[in-house]
């Protein structure tokens, strides 16, 4: 009887030691979004010599990562094992989630002669939110009825701008007054000059004309008398 009880207790303790993460009454569910990444942490109270990350059971093609290192990556799957004071943590990452990634996964440790320890969890993938399309309609292009113009060496806008720049600004009130004053002075000066010219011309026309052949030159008769006297004495 004592031997039987001892064997039973030994069996129960062995199974209890192997149940560190072996049997999960409730599977933890993690939800991720399609196209994004998801991180899951598995905890262990004991350490192992080899780390596993699997889909479903760690058998055949279900083994996604198997490594003796603390870090490993294979495709879109990555694990990082970190030893703690009370428990060890295996962080699992799946990048760029797809619909096919939904399902049950397992983090497992190979403990050599002792039973393996593992922790199961489930991943659910939801569709990525659809971005709303802008609610607007394109405006129709304006139709032009003008006839096509011939090409010129300079664009029309440039010539119009040059014309606008060449035109002087409109005169102000003071400038207009100065301009009108100058014009009036010029007109008055011209009229005065014309009047003076006309008066001089009229005076010259009113004086009598004198023939130069009949002008009496003083002293001429005296000369002729002296010449006649000398001629008489000679004879």
Protein backbone atom coordinates (compact mmCIF):
# COMPACT_ATOMS: atom_id res chain seq x y z
CA UNK A 1 0.00 0.00 0.00
CA UNK A 2 2.73 2.43 0.85
CA UNK A 3 4.51 1.55 -2.36
CA UNK A 4 1.29 2.06 -4.37
CA UNK A 5 0.62 5.43 -2.82
CA UNK A 6 4.21 6.45 -3.46
CA UNK A 7 3.95 5.57 -7.16
CA UNK A 8 0.67 7.46 -7.50
CA UNK A 9 2.09 10.57 -5.81
CA UNK A 10 5.21 10.39 -8.00
CA UNK A 11 3.04 10.22 -11.13
CA UNK A 12 0.91 13.17 -10.05
CA UNK A 13 3.97 15.29 -9.25
CA UNK A 14 5.52 14.45 -12.61
CA UNK A 15 2.39 15.47 -14.50
CA UNK A 16 2.09 18.60 -12.40
CA UNK A 17 5.66 19.57 -13.28
CA UNK A 18 4.91 19.03 -16.95
CA UNK A 19 1.71 21.10 -16.78
CA UNK A 20 3.62 24.39 -16.56
CA UNK A 21 1.93 25.81 -19.60
CA UNK A 22 0.95 22.42 -21.01
CA UNK A 23 -2.78 22.48 -20.40
CA UNK A 24 -4.65 25.75 -20.77
CA UNK A 25 -8.24 25.71 -19.68
CA UNK A 26 -8.83 28.94 -21.56
CA UNK A 27 -6.99 29.93 -24.72
CA UNK A 28 -5.96 33.57 -24.84
CA UNK A 29 -7.29 35.32 -27.95
CA UNK A 30 -5.36 38.15 -29.59
CA UNK A 31 -6.91 40.22 -32.38
CA UNK A 32 -4.86 41.96 -35.05
CA UNK A 33 -5.63 44.06 -38.10
CA UNK A 34 -4.91 42.92 -41.62
CA UNK A 35 -1.72 44.49 -42.95
CA UNK A 36 -0.35 45.37 -39.49
CA UNK A 37 1.88 43.61 -36.93
CA UNK A 38 0.90 41.71 -33.80
CA UNK A 39 2.97 40.97 -30.67
CA UNK A 40 2.19 38.16 -28.18
CA UNK A 41 4.07 37.34 -24.94
CA UNK A 42 4.26 33.77 -23.64
CA UNK A 43 5.39 33.24 -20.01
CA UNK A 44 7.24 30.22 -18.54
CA UNK A 45 8.21 29.40 -14.97
CA UNK A 46 11.04 27.13 -16.15
CA UNK A 47 13.72 27.47 -18.82
CA UNK A 48 14.45 25.22 -21.75
CA UNK A 49 17.36 24.42 -24.04
CA UNK A 50 15.49 25.00 -27.31
CA UNK A 51 12.77 27.47 -28.25
CA UNK A 52 9.85 26.75 -30.56
CA UNK A 53 7.18 28.86 -32.20
CA UNK A 54 4.56 26.83 -34.02
CA UNK A 55 1.16 27.03 -35.62
CA UNK A 56 -1.21 24.47 -34.14
CA UNK A 57 1.10 21.74 -32.83
CA UNK A 58 4.88 21.75 -33.10
CA UNK A 59 4.94 18.99 -35.68
CA UNK A 60 6.13 18.95 -39.29
CA UNK A 61 5.28 22.11 -41.21
CA UNK A 62 3.63 23.58 -38.14
CA UNK A 63 7.08 24.50 -36.75
CA UNK A 64 7.64 28.13 -37.75
CA UNK A 65 10.83 28.79 -35.72
CA UNK A 66 13.14 26.37 -33.93
CA UNK A 67 16.32 27.78 -32.39
CA UNK A 68 18.83 27.46 -29.56
CA UNK A 69 19.36 31.24 -29.49
CA UNK A 70 17.41 33.83 -27.58
CA UNK A 71 16.52 35.67 -30.83
CA UNK A 72 15.48 34.29 -34.18
CA UNK A 73 13.55 35.34 -37.26
CA UNK A 74 12.10 33.46 -40.20
CA UNK A 75 10.19 35.40 -42.82
CA UNK A 76 7.38 37.31 -41.14
CA UNK A 77 7.85 35.49 -37.81
CA UNK A 78 10.17 36.62 -35.01
CA UNK A 79 10.79 35.47 -31.39
CA UNK A 80 12.77 36.93 -28.51
CA UNK A 81 13.34 34.88 -25.35
CA UNK A 82 14.21 36.78 -22.19
CA UNK A 83 15.07 35.18 -18.87
CA UNK A 84 13.52 36.86 -15.85
CA UNK A 85 13.77 36.58 -12.07
CA UNK A 86 10.53 34.67 -11.52
CA UNK A 87 9.34 33.85 -15.03
CA UNK A 88 10.80 33.78 -18.53
CA UNK A 89 9.11 35.63 -21.38
CA UNK A 90 9.07 34.58 -25.03
CA UNK A 91 7.89 37.49 -27.18
CA UNK A 92 6.41 36.47 -30.55
CA UNK A 93 5.83 38.86 -33.47
CA UNK A 94 4.03 38.34 -36.76
CA UNK A 95 4.40 41.16 -39.28
CA UNK A 96 2.04 42.17 -42.08
CA UNK A 97 -0.90 40.09 -40.96
CA UNK A 98 -3.05 38.30 -43.52
CA UNK A 99 -6.33 36.44 -43.29
CA UNK A 100 -4.46 33.13 -43.45
CA UNK A 101 -2.58 34.01 -40.23
CA UNK A 102 -5.74 33.50 -38.20
CA UNK A 103 -5.62 30.33 -36.07
CA UNK A 104 -4.05 28.69 -33.05
CA UNK A 105 -0.35 29.07 -32.16
CA UNK A 106 2.04 27.62 -29.60
CA UNK A 107 5.16 28.83 -27.78
CA UNK A 108 7.14 25.82 -26.56
CA UNK A 109 10.37 24.95 -24.70
CA UNK A 110 12.41 21.77 -25.11
CA UNK A 111 13.58 20.78 -21.62
CA UNK A 112 15.51 17.66 -22.53
CA UNK A 113 14.56 14.75 -20.28
CA UNK A 114 11.78 16.69 -18.54
CA UNK A 115 8.38 17.10 -20.22
CA UNK A 116 8.15 20.04 -22.61
CA UNK A 117 6.47 23.27 -21.56
CA UNK A 118 4.28 25.26 -23.90
CA UNK A 119 1.58 27.93 -24.02
CA UNK A 120 -1.16 28.13 -26.65
CA UNK A 121 -2.97 31.21 -27.89
CA UNK A 122 -5.26 32.17 -30.74
CA UNK A 123 -4.92 34.97 -33.28
CA UNK A 124 -7.86 36.52 -35.05
CA UNK A 125 -7.42 38.88 -38.00
CA UNK A 126 -9.91 41.59 -38.84
CA UNK A 127 -10.11 43.47 -42.10
CA UNK A 128 -8.33 46.77 -42.44
CA UNK A 129 -10.67 49.79 -42.35
CA UNK A 130 -11.55 51.09 -45.78
CA UNK A 131 -10.62 54.72 -46.32
CA UNK A 132 -13.63 56.81 -47.38
CA UNK A 133 -13.40 58.20 -50.87
CA UNK A 134 -13.65 61.97 -51.25
CA UNK A 135 -17.19 63.05 -52.09
CA UNK A 136 -16.57 65.45 -54.94
CA UNK A 137 -17.19 65.60 -58.65
CA UNK A 138 -14.80 67.17 -61.16
CA UNK A 139 -15.93 70.47 -62.61
CA UNK A 140 -16.36 70.64 -66.40
CA UNK A 141 -13.72 72.54 -68.27
CA UNK A 142 -14.89 75.94 -69.63
CA UNK A 143 -15.52 76.00 -73.36
CA UNK A 144 -14.03 78.84 -75.38
CA UNK A 145 -15.77 80.33 -78.45
CA UNK A 146 -12.92 82.60 -79.50
CA UNK A 147 -11.08 81.93 -82.72
CA UNK A 148 -7.49 80.78 -82.46
CA UNK A 149 -4.97 83.56 -82.69
CA UNK A 150 -1.77 83.47 -84.66
CA UNK A 151 1.45 83.08 -82.75
CA UNK A 152 3.58 86.17 -82.34
CA UNK A 153 7.14 86.71 -81.19
CA UNK A 154 5.97 88.22 -77.91
CA UNK A 155 3.04 87.00 -75.80
CA UNK A 156 -0.03 89.27 -75.68
CA UNK A 157 0.23 89.73 -71.95
CA UNK A 158 3.76 91.11 -72.28
CA UNK A 159 2.80 93.70 -74.94
CA UNK A 160 -0.22 94.87 -72.97
CA UNK A 161 1.88 95.21 -69.84
CA UNK A 162 4.49 97.21 -71.77
CA UNK A 163 1.76 99.51 -73.14
CA UNK A 164 0.40 100.07 -69.68
CA UNK A 165 3.85 100.87 -68.35
CA UNK A 166 4.61 103.33 -71.21
CA UNK A 167 1.44 105.37 -70.63
CA UNK A 168 1.98 108.27 -68.16
CA UNK A 169 -0.18 108.45 -65.10
CA UNK A 170 -3.14 110.85 -65.23
CA UNK A 171 -2.19 114.39 -64.05
CA UNK A 172 -3.26 115.63 -60.70
CA UNK A 173 -5.10 118.93 -60.07
CA UNK A 174 -1.90 120.88 -59.34
CA UNK A 175 -0.11 119.53 -62.40
CA UNK A 176 -3.10 120.38 -64.60
CA UNK A 177 -3.15 123.95 -63.24
CA UNK A 178 0.59 124.39 -63.94
CA UNK A 179 0.19 123.05 -67.48
CA UNK A 180 -2.71 125.38 -68.25
CA UNK A 181 -0.76 128.38 -66.87
CA UNK A 182 2.25 127.59 -69.05
CA UNK A 183 0.04 127.27 -72.14
CA UNK A 184 -1.63 130.63 -71.40
CA UNK A 185 1.76 132.36 -70.96
CA UNK A 186 2.99 130.96 -74.25
CA UNK A 187 -0.15 132.18 -76.06
CA UNK A 188 0.10 135.69 -74.53
CA UNK A 189 3.83 135.98 -75.35
CA UNK A 190 3.16 134.97 -78.95
CA UNK A 191 0.37 137.53 -79.28
CA UNK A 192 2.54 140.35 -77.86
CA UNK A 193 5.44 139.51 -80.19
CA UNK A 194 3.08 139.44 -83.17
CA UNK A 195 1.58 142.81 -82.18
CA UNK A 196 5.01 144.46 -81.88
CA UNK A 197 6.03 143.08 -85.26
CA UNK A 198 2.88 144.43 -86.91
CA UNK A 199 3.34 147.94 -85.43
CA UNK A 200 6.94 148.17 -86.66
CA UNK A 201 5.85 147.09 -90.10
CA UNK A 202 3.05 149.69 -90.24
CA UNK A 203 5.44 152.51 -89.20
CA UNK A 204 7.89 151.52 -91.92
CA UNK A 205 5.11 151.57 -94.54
CA UNK A 206 3.86 155.06 -93.48
CA UNK A 207 7.26 156.91 -93.95
CA UNK A 208 7.76 158.59 -97.55
CA UNK A 209 10.22 157.05 -99.89
CA UNK A 210 13.25 159.40 -100.83
CA UNK A 211 15.15 158.95 -104.10
CA UNK A 212 18.85 158.81 -103.38
CA UNK A 213 19.73 160.42 -106.74
CA UNK A 214 18.10 163.71 -105.73
CA UNK A 215 19.35 163.99 -102.22
CA UNK A 216 21.14 167.26 -101.53
CA UNK A 217 24.53 166.52 -100.05
CA UNK A 218 25.93 169.47 -98.10
CA UNK A 219 29.18 170.89 -99.58
CA UNK A 220 28.75 169.49 -103.06
CA UNK A 221 27.80 172.87 -104.64
CA UNK A 222 30.83 174.53 -103.13
CA UNK A 223 33.08 171.95 -104.70
CA UNK A 224 31.52 172.51 -108.09
CA UNK A 225 32.01 176.35 -107.83
CA UNK A 226 35.68 175.96 -106.94
CA UNK A 227 36.24 173.68 -109.89
CA UNK A 228 34.55 176.23 -112.30
CA UNK A 229 36.70 179.06 -111.07
CA UNK A 230 39.91 177.16 -111.52
CA UNK A 231 38.92 176.22 -115.05
CA UNK A 232 38.27 179.89 -115.97
CA UNK A 233 41.61 181.07 -114.68
CA UNK A 234 43.45 178.50 -116.69
CA UNK A 235 41.86 179.61 -119.93
